[in-house]
């Protein structure tokens, strides 16, 4: 299975007219991360956009999910927001799209005093030279997507994907991606939640990634499940999957 991450311009060109500006915004954001050494070192891509672009899953959300093993701090918050603001503008100039992106704001959840923290950045996008562009620059963008950046998450296996001239993007490797989805499934009953999408994603991976049937890969997946569950205090043993 080929990765669309290595040909994001092709993914953008294949978009319908309704989705074109959204895909251009996604490309601008991924270029922003990959082209900056510090951002590329800090942020590791996971979630629905990773599934769509690296594992050719047709569905995707309007959230771009990243994670880091580093702990949250006020200084870390200031660093990431400052870098994103500056590098977004540089990425627009490199890619020469009509779409313009600007950060509209951010929140820290569930709070700066917590152990596991996520910064949710709202990124607005609009076509250059339009009224929507003016609203974007005022911080009132009509069209937005979210960068969700989670701190203090173990990332046992990382894959580095070259975006060509755009730089290198660090992403969840396949065993860690599978382990994260299984951890989520095991945690859902503890939180009284029911999210089917992880099941569909796992089915897609099992159908399209034959290496998951390799004993060595399966061993790594199990090891990563244990790490991921330990991170979140989710009990895991052989009986966990009988729920």
C-alpha atoms as a PDB file:
ATOM      1  CA  UNK A   1       0.000   0.000   0.000  1.00  0.00           C
ATOM      2  CA  UNK A   2       1.443   3.344  -1.064  1.00  0.00           C
ATOM      3  CA  UNK A   3       1.326   6.389   1.183  1.00  0.00           C
ATOM      4  CA  UNK A   4      -0.473   9.523   0.057  1.00  0.00           C
ATOM      5  CA  UNK A   5       1.803  11.447   2.425  1.00  0.00           C
ATOM      6  CA  UNK A   6       4.509  11.171  -0.229  1.00  0.00           C
ATOM      7  CA  UNK A   7       2.194  12.793  -2.791  1.00  0.00           C
ATOM      8  CA  UNK A   8       0.010  15.262  -0.917  1.00  0.00           C
ATOM      9  CA  UNK A   9      -0.212  17.586  -3.971  1.00  0.00           C
ATOM     10  CA  UNK A  10      -1.874  14.718  -5.849  1.00  0.00           C
ATOM     11  CA  UNK A  11      -4.325  14.214  -2.965  1.00  0.00           C
ATOM     12  CA  UNK A  12      -5.143  17.917  -3.071  1.00  0.00           C
ATOM     13  CA  UNK A  13      -5.685  17.933  -6.846  1.00  0.00           C
ATOM     14  CA  UNK A  14      -8.008  14.918  -6.592  1.00  0.00           C
ATOM     15  CA  UNK A  15     -10.357  16.790  -4.234  1.00  0.00           C
ATOM     16  CA  UNK A  16     -13.824  17.926  -5.194  1.00  0.00           C
ATOM     17  CA  UNK A  17     -14.335  21.678  -5.493  1.00  0.00           C
ATOM     18  CA  UNK A  18     -16.109  21.633  -2.110  1.00  0.00           C
ATOM     19  CA  UNK A  19     -13.150  19.986  -0.353  1.00  0.00           C
ATOM     20  CA  UNK A  20     -10.270  21.577  -2.241  1.00  0.00           C
ATOM     21  CA  UNK A  21      -9.577  24.423   0.202  1.00  0.00           C
ATOM     22  CA  UNK A  22      -9.752  22.030   3.177  1.00  0.00           C
ATOM     23  CA  UNK A  23      -7.153  19.738   1.614  1.00  0.00           C
ATOM     24  CA  UNK A  24      -4.955  22.706   0.759  1.00  0.00           C
ATOM     25  CA  UNK A  25      -5.169  23.777   4.413  1.00  0.00           C
ATOM     26  CA  UNK A  26      -4.187  20.272   5.559  1.00  0.00           C
ATOM     27  CA  UNK A  27      -1.187  20.349   3.204  1.00  0.00           C
ATOM     28  CA  UNK A  28      -0.135  23.764   4.489  1.00  0.00           C
ATOM     29  CA  UNK A  29      -0.284  22.540   8.087  1.00  0.00           C
ATOM     30  CA  UNK A  30       1.638  19.318   7.414  1.00  0.00           C
ATOM     31  CA  UNK A  31       4.250  21.289   5.468  1.00  0.00           C
ATOM     32  CA  UNK A  32       4.459  23.704   8.409  1.00  0.00           C
ATOM     33  CA  UNK A  33       5.390  20.818  10.705  1.00  0.00           C
ATOM     34  CA  UNK A  34       7.643  18.843   8.362  1.00  0.00           C
ATOM     35  CA  UNK A  35       9.735  21.768   7.138  1.00  0.00           C
ATOM     36  CA  UNK A  36      10.690  23.028  10.599  1.00  0.00           C
ATOM     37  CA  UNK A  37      13.276  20.920  12.420  1.00  0.00           C
ATOM     38  CA  UNK A  38      11.948  21.701  15.896  1.00  0.00           C
ATOM     39  CA  UNK A  39       8.295  21.098  15.010  1.00  0.00           C
ATOM     40  CA  UNK A  40       9.194  17.911  13.159  1.00  0.00           C
ATOM     41  CA  UNK A  41      11.072  16.650  16.221  1.00  0.00           C
ATOM     42  CA  UNK A  42       8.244  17.575  18.595  1.00  0.00           C
ATOM     43  CA  UNK A  43       5.106  16.496  16.768  1.00  0.00           C
ATOM     44  CA  UNK A  44       4.176  12.948  15.780  1.00  0.00           C
ATOM     45  CA  UNK A  45       1.099  12.533  13.560  1.00  0.00           C
ATOM     46  CA  UNK A  46      -1.672  10.114  14.530  1.00  0.00           C
ATOM     47  CA  UNK A  47      -5.458   9.913  14.150  1.00  0.00           C
ATOM     48  CA  UNK A  48      -7.836  10.252  11.224  1.00  0.00           C
ATOM     49  CA  UNK A  49      -5.639  12.319   8.906  1.00  0.00           C
ATOM     50  CA  UNK A  50      -2.854   9.755   9.341  1.00  0.00           C
ATOM     51  CA  UNK A  51      -5.325   6.982   8.504  1.00  0.00           C
ATOM     52  CA  UNK A  52      -6.505   8.870   5.418  1.00  0.00           C
ATOM     53  CA  UNK A  53      -3.124   9.875   4.020  1.00  0.00           C
ATOM     54  CA  UNK A  54      -0.782   7.087   5.114  1.00  0.00           C
ATOM     55  CA  UNK A  55      -3.169   4.139   5.201  1.00  0.00           C
ATOM     56  CA  UNK A  56      -5.641   5.297   2.505  1.00  0.00           C
ATOM     57  CA  UNK A  57      -8.721   5.249   4.702  1.00  0.00           C
ATOM     58  CA  UNK A  58     -11.450   7.182   2.899  1.00  0.00           C
ATOM     59  CA  UNK A  59     -12.926   8.803   5.988  1.00  0.00           C
ATOM     60  CA  UNK A  60     -11.179  11.601   7.836  1.00  0.00           C
ATOM     61  CA  UNK A  61     -12.112  14.194  10.410  1.00  0.00           C
ATOM     62  CA  UNK A  62     -11.403  17.914  10.465  1.00  0.00           C
ATOM     63  CA  UNK A  63      -8.925  17.366  13.317  1.00  0.00           C
ATOM     64  CA  UNK A  64      -5.212  16.865  12.742  1.00  0.00           C
ATOM     65  CA  UNK A  65      -3.923  14.915  15.734  1.00  0.00           C
ATOM     66  CA  UNK A  66      -0.343  15.094  16.958  1.00  0.00           C
ATOM     67  CA  UNK A  67       1.355  13.877  20.099  1.00  0.00           C
ATOM     68  CA  UNK A  68       4.668  14.148  21.926  1.00  0.00           C
ATOM     69  CA  UNK A  69       6.430  12.270  24.690  1.00  0.00           C
ATOM     70  CA  UNK A  70       7.455  15.541  26.321  1.00  0.00           C
ATOM     71  CA  UNK A  71       5.547  16.906  29.351  1.00  0.00           C
ATOM     72  CA  UNK A  72       3.382  19.985  29.137  1.00  0.00           C
ATOM     73  CA  UNK A  73       4.617  23.305  30.486  1.00  0.00           C
ATOM     74  CA  UNK A  74       3.745  26.961  30.026  1.00  0.00           C
ATOM     75  CA  UNK A  75       7.006  27.416  28.115  1.00  0.00           C
ATOM     76  CA  UNK A  76       6.141  24.468  25.857  1.00  0.00           C
ATOM     77  CA  UNK A  77       2.729  25.999  25.164  1.00  0.00           C
ATOM     78  CA  UNK A  78       4.297  29.325  24.213  1.00  0.00           C
ATOM     79  CA  UNK A  79       6.872  27.629  22.004  1.00  0.00           C
ATOM     80  CA  UNK A  80       4.408  25.572  19.985  1.00  0.00           C
ATOM     81  CA  UNK A  81       1.938  28.401  19.376  1.00  0.00           C
ATOM     82  CA  UNK A  82       4.689  30.843  18.396  1.00  0.00           C
ATOM     83  CA  UNK A  83       6.294  28.375  15.992  1.00  0.00           C
ATOM     84  CA  UNK A  84       2.982  27.439  14.379  1.00  0.00           C
ATOM     85  CA  UNK A  85       2.103  31.103  13.799  1.00  0.00           C
ATOM     86  CA  UNK A  86       5.418  31.868  12.114  1.00  0.00           C
ATOM     87  CA  UNK A  87       5.795  28.687  10.076  1.00  0.00           C
ATOM     88  CA  UNK A  88       2.225  28.729   8.705  1.00  0.00           C
ATOM     89  CA  UNK A  89       3.019  31.906   6.779  1.00  0.00           C
ATOM     90  CA  UNK A  90       6.251  30.418   5.427  1.00  0.00           C
ATOM     91  CA  UNK A  91       4.431  27.259   4.312  1.00  0.00           C
ATOM     92  CA  UNK A  92       1.846  29.311   2.403  1.00  0.00           C
ATOM     93  CA  UNK A  93       4.635  31.035   0.493  1.00  0.00           C
ATOM     94  CA  UNK A  94       6.298  27.722  -0.394  1.00  0.00           C
ATOM     95  CA  UNK A  95       3.139  26.005  -1.607  1.00  0.00           C
ATOM     96  CA  UNK A  96       1.589  28.951  -3.473  1.00  0.00           C
ATOM     97  CA  UNK A  97      -2.016  27.893  -2.897  1.00  0.00           C
ATOM     98  CA  UNK A  98      -4.870  30.392  -2.959  1.00  0.00           C
ATOM     99  CA  UNK A  99      -5.741  29.168   0.544  1.00  0.00           C
ATOM    100  CA  UNK A 100      -4.485  31.144   3.541  1.00  0.00           C
ATOM    101  CA  UNK A 101      -4.295  29.710   7.090  1.00  0.00           C
ATOM    102  CA  UNK A 102      -4.106  31.521  10.414  1.00  0.00           C
ATOM    103  CA  UNK A 103      -4.451  30.374  14.008  1.00  0.00           C
ATOM    104  CA  UNK A 104      -7.724  31.693  15.433  1.00  0.00           C
ATOM    105  CA  UNK A 105      -7.146  30.680  19.042  1.00  0.00           C
ATOM    106  CA  UNK A 106      -6.402  27.752  21.321  1.00  0.00           C
ATOM    107  CA  UNK A 107      -7.484  26.093  24.523  1.00  0.00           C
ATOM    108  CA  UNK A 108      -5.644  23.812  26.933  1.00  0.00           C
ATOM    109  CA  UNK A 109      -7.671  20.786  28.034  1.00  0.00           C
ATOM    110  CA  UNK A 110      -8.475  19.637  30.649  1.00  0.00           C
ATOM    111  CA  UNK A 111      -6.269  22.272  32.329  1.00  0.00           C
ATOM    112  CA  UNK A 112      -2.670  23.431  32.641  1.00  0.00           C
ATOM    113  CA  UNK A 113      -2.344  21.813  36.066  1.00  0.00           C
ATOM    114  CA  UNK A 114      -3.182  18.308  34.811  1.00  0.00           C
ATOM    115  CA  UNK A 115      -0.792  15.498  33.890  1.00  0.00           C
ATOM    116  CA  UNK A 116      -2.193  14.611  30.477  1.00  0.00           C
ATOM    117  CA  UNK A 117      -2.799  17.810  28.562  1.00  0.00           C
ATOM    118  CA  UNK A 118      -3.936  18.562  25.015  1.00  0.00           C
ATOM    119  CA  UNK A 119      -3.638  21.894  23.239  1.00  0.00           C
ATOM    120  CA  UNK A 120      -6.499  22.356  20.784  1.00  0.00           C
ATOM    121  CA  UNK A 121      -5.610  24.993  18.210  1.00  0.00           C
ATOM    122  CA  UNK A 122      -8.308  26.331  15.909  1.00  0.00           C
ATOM    123  CA  UNK A 123      -6.836  26.995  12.462  1.00  0.00           C
ATOM    124  CA  UNK A 124      -8.937  29.075  10.103  1.00  0.00           C
ATOM    125  CA  UNK A 125      -8.580  28.913   6.333  1.00  0.00           C
ATOM    126  CA  UNK A 126      -9.925  31.043   3.492  1.00  0.00           C
ATOM    127  CA  UNK A 127      -9.299  31.914  -0.140  1.00  0.00           C
ATOM    128  CA  UNK A 128      -6.845  34.761  -0.551  1.00  0.00           C
ATOM    129  CA  UNK A 129      -8.333  38.151  -1.403  1.00  0.00           C
ATOM    130  CA  UNK A 130     -11.920  37.332  -0.431  1.00  0.00           C
ATOM    131  CA  UNK A 131     -14.193  38.594   2.331  1.00  0.00           C
ATOM    132  CA  UNK A 132     -13.600  35.290   4.082  1.00  0.00           C
ATOM    133  CA  UNK A 133      -9.887  36.161   4.013  1.00  0.00           C
ATOM    134  CA  UNK A 134     -10.647  39.449   5.783  1.00  0.00           C
ATOM    135  CA  UNK A 135     -12.644  37.590   8.436  1.00  0.00           C
ATOM    136  CA  UNK A 136      -9.764  35.140   8.845  1.00  0.00           C
ATOM    137  CA  UNK A 137      -7.312  37.955   9.545  1.00  0.00           C
ATOM    138  CA  UNK A 138      -9.718  39.341  12.176  1.00  0.00           C
ATOM    139  CA  UNK A 139      -9.804  35.972  13.939  1.00  0.00           C
ATOM    140  CA  UNK A 140     -13.368  35.266  12.808  1.00  0.00           C
ATOM    141  CA  UNK A 141     -12.827  32.554  10.190  1.00  0.00           C
ATOM    142  CA  UNK A 142     -15.932  30.786   8.926  1.00  0.00           C
ATOM    143  CA  UNK A 143     -14.000  27.651   7.969  1.00  0.00           C
ATOM    144  CA  UNK A 144     -11.750  26.021  10.540  1.00  0.00           C
ATOM    145  CA  UNK A 145      -9.994  22.805  11.403  1.00  0.00           C
ATOM    146  CA  UNK A 146      -8.288  21.796  14.618  1.00  0.00           C
ATOM    147  CA  UNK A 147      -4.739  20.837  15.518  1.00  0.00           C
ATOM    148  CA  UNK A 148      -4.965  18.647  18.625  1.00  0.00           C
ATOM    149  CA  UNK A 149      -1.555  18.290  20.265  1.00  0.00           C
ATOM    150  CA  UNK A 150      -1.310  15.876  23.207  1.00  0.00           C
ATOM    151  CA  UNK A 151       1.578  15.855  25.686  1.00  0.00           C
ATOM    152  CA  UNK A 152       3.211  13.041  27.653  1.00  0.00           C
ATOM    153  CA  UNK A 153       2.172  10.116  25.451  1.00  0.00           C
ATOM    154  CA  UNK A 154       4.445   7.137  24.947  1.00  0.00           C
ATOM    155  CA  UNK A 155       5.239   6.534  21.275  1.00  0.00           C
ATOM    156  CA  UNK A 156       6.926   3.126  21.154  1.00  0.00           C
ATOM    157  CA  UNK A 157       7.321   2.938  17.361  1.00  0.00           C
ATOM    158  CA  UNK A 158       7.807   5.938  15.076  1.00  0.00           C
ATOM    159  CA  UNK A 159       7.993   6.019  11.297  1.00  0.00           C
ATOM    160  CA  UNK A 160       9.581   8.914   9.457  1.00  0.00           C
ATOM    161  CA  UNK A 161       7.903   9.774   6.156  1.00  0.00           C
ATOM    162  CA  UNK A 162       9.633  12.018   3.647  1.00  0.00           C
ATOM    163  CA  UNK A 163       7.398  14.670   2.135  1.00  0.00           C
ATOM    164  CA  UNK A 164      10.056  15.388  -0.461  1.00  0.00           C
ATOM    165  CA  UNK A 165      11.076  19.028  -0.510  1.00  0.00           C
ATOM    166  CA  UNK A 166       8.566  19.657   2.295  1.00  0.00           C
ATOM    167  CA  UNK A 167      10.742  17.819   4.838  1.00  0.00           C
ATOM    168  CA  UNK A 168      10.133  14.846   7.128  1.00  0.00           C
ATOM    169  CA  UNK A 169       7.014  14.036   9.107  1.00  0.00           C
ATOM    170  CA  UNK A 170       7.105  11.700  12.101  1.00  0.00           C
ATOM    171  CA  UNK A 171       4.054   9.439  12.335  1.00  0.00           C
ATOM    172  CA  UNK A 172       2.796   6.562  14.444  1.00  0.00           C
ATOM    173  CA  UNK A 173       4.275   3.352  13.059  1.00  0.00           C
ATOM    174  CA  UNK A 174       1.751   0.621  12.264  1.00  0.00           C
ATOM    175  CA  UNK A 175       2.142  -1.433  15.504  1.00  0.00           C
ATOM    176  CA  UNK A 176       1.731   1.669  17.673  1.00  0.00           C
ATOM    177  CA  UNK A 177      -1.263   2.860  15.653  1.00  0.00           C
ATOM    178  CA  UNK A 178      -2.988  -0.501  16.131  1.00  0.00           C
ATOM    179  CA  UNK A 179      -2.063  -0.558  19.824  1.00  0.00           C
ATOM    180  CA  UNK A 180      -3.468   2.942  20.345  1.00  0.00           C
ATOM    181  CA  UNK A 181      -6.791   1.954  18.792  1.00  0.00           C
ATOM    182  CA  UNK A 182      -7.011  -1.195  20.910  1.00  0.00           C
ATOM    183  CA  UNK A 183      -6.170   0.842  24.019  1.00  0.00           C
ATOM    184  CA  UNK A 184      -9.005   3.191  23.107  1.00  0.00           C
ATOM    185  CA  UNK A 185     -11.427   0.276  22.742  1.00  0.00           C
ATOM    186  CA  UNK A 186     -10.410  -1.161  26.121  1.00  0.00           C
ATOM    187  CA  UNK A 187     -10.787   2.230  27.795  1.00  0.00           C
ATOM    188  CA  UNK A 188     -14.224   3.039  26.382  1.00  0.00           C
ATOM    189  CA  UNK A 189     -16.223   0.830  28.804  1.00  0.00           C
ATOM    190  CA  UNK A 190     -14.336   2.393  31.723  1.00  0.00           C
ATOM    191  CA  UNK A 191     -15.527   5.824  30.570  1.00  0.00           C
ATOM    192  CA  UNK A 192     -18.984   4.630  29.547  1.00  0.00           C
ATOM    193  CA  UNK A 193     -18.275   5.610  25.950  1.00  0.00           C
ATOM    194  CA  UNK A 194     -18.909   3.821  22.686  1.00  0.00           C
ATOM    195  CA  UNK A 195     -16.888   4.817  19.620  1.00  0.00           C
ATOM    196  CA  UNK A 196     -17.230   2.501  16.640  1.00  0.00           C
ATOM    197  CA  UNK A 197     -14.733   4.238  14.389  1.00  0.00           C
ATOM    198  CA  UNK A 198     -11.746   2.452  15.930  1.00  0.00           C
ATOM    199  CA  UNK A 199     -13.311  -0.896  14.971  1.00  0.00           C
ATOM    200  CA  UNK A 200     -13.700   0.210  11.356  1.00  0.00           C
ATOM    201  CA  UNK A 201     -10.131   1.523  11.289  1.00  0.00           C
ATOM    202  CA  UNK A 202      -8.771  -1.748  12.665  1.00  0.00           C
ATOM    203  CA  UNK A 203     -10.760  -3.699  10.085  1.00  0.00           C
ATOM    204  CA  UNK A 204      -9.306  -1.509   7.322  1.00  0.00           C
ATOM    205  CA  UNK A 205      -5.761  -2.092   8.578  1.00  0.00           C
ATOM    206  CA  UNK A 206      -6.243  -5.852   8.933  1.00  0.00           C
ATOM    207  CA  UNK A 207      -7.505  -6.059   5.354  1.00  0.00           C
ATOM    208  CA  UNK A 208      -4.874  -3.826   3.802  1.00  0.00           C
ATOM    209  CA  UNK A 209      -1.730  -4.383   5.870  1.00  0.00           C
ATOM    210  CA  UNK A 210      -0.685  -8.048   5.612  1.00  0.00           C
ATOM    211  CA  UNK A 211       2.349  -7.467   7.837  1.00  0.00           C
ATOM    212  CA  UNK A 212      -0.059  -7.446  10.779  1.00  0.00           C
ATOM    213  CA  UNK A 213      -0.283 -11.223  10.366  1.00  0.00           C
ATOM    214  CA  UNK A 214       3.468 -11.556  10.825  1.00  0.00           C
ATOM    215  CA  UNK A 215       4.397 -13.008  14.221  1.00  0.00           C
ATOM    216  CA  UNK A 216       7.101 -10.410  14.803  1.00  0.00           C
ATOM    217  CA  UNK A 217       4.712  -7.539  14.081  1.00  0.00           C
ATOM    218  CA  UNK A 218       2.046  -9.062  16.321  1.00  0.00           C
ATOM    219  CA  UNK A 219       4.560  -9.343  19.156  1.00  0.00           C
ATOM    220  CA  UNK A 220       5.381  -5.650  18.775  1.00  0.00           C
ATOM    221  CA  UNK A 221       1.680  -4.744  18.751  1.00  0.00           C
ATOM    222  CA  UNK A 222       1.154  -6.607  22.040  1.00  0.00           C
ATOM    223  CA  UNK A 223       4.152  -4.871  23.620  1.00  0.00           C
ATOM    224  CA  UNK A 224       2.826  -1.502  22.454  1.00  0.00           C
ATOM    225  CA  UNK A 225      -0.668  -2.251  23.798  1.00  0.00           C
ATOM    226  CA  UNK A 226       0.820  -2.846  27.246  1.00  0.00           C
ATOM    227  CA  UNK A 227       2.742   0.445  27.074  1.00  0.00           C
ATOM    228  CA  UNK A 228      -0.267   2.413  25.846  1.00  0.00           C
ATOM    229  CA  UNK A 229      -2.609   0.960  28.463  1.00  0.00           C
ATOM    230  CA  UNK A 230      -0.085   1.558  31.244  1.00  0.00           C
ATOM    231  CA  UNK A 231       0.101   5.225  30.180  1.00  0.00           C
ATOM    232  CA  UNK A 232      -3.620   5.696  30.767  1.00  0.00           C
ATOM    233  CA  UNK A 233      -4.098   3.358  33.696  1.00  0.00           C
ATOM    234  CA  UNK A 234      -6.165   0.909  31.640  1.00  0.00           C
ATOM    235  CA  UNK A 235      -6.032  -2.661  33.025  1.00  0.00           C
ATOM    236  CA  UNK A 236      -4.902  -5.109  30.364  1.00  0.00           C
ATOM    237  CA  UNK A 237      -4.390  -8.871  30.370  1.00  0.00           C
ATOM    238  CA  UNK A 238      -5.561 -11.847  28.328  1.00  0.00           C
ATOM    239  CA  UNK A 239      -9.080 -11.473  29.708  1.00  0.00           C
ATOM    240  CA  UNK A 240      -9.396  -7.817  28.731  1.00  0.00           C
ATOM    241  CA  UNK A 241     -10.628  -8.714  25.276  1.00  0.00           C
ATOM    242  CA  UNK A 242     -13.538 -10.825  26.562  1.00  0.00           C
ATOM    243  CA  UNK A 243     -15.598  -7.739  27.451  1.00  0.00           C
END
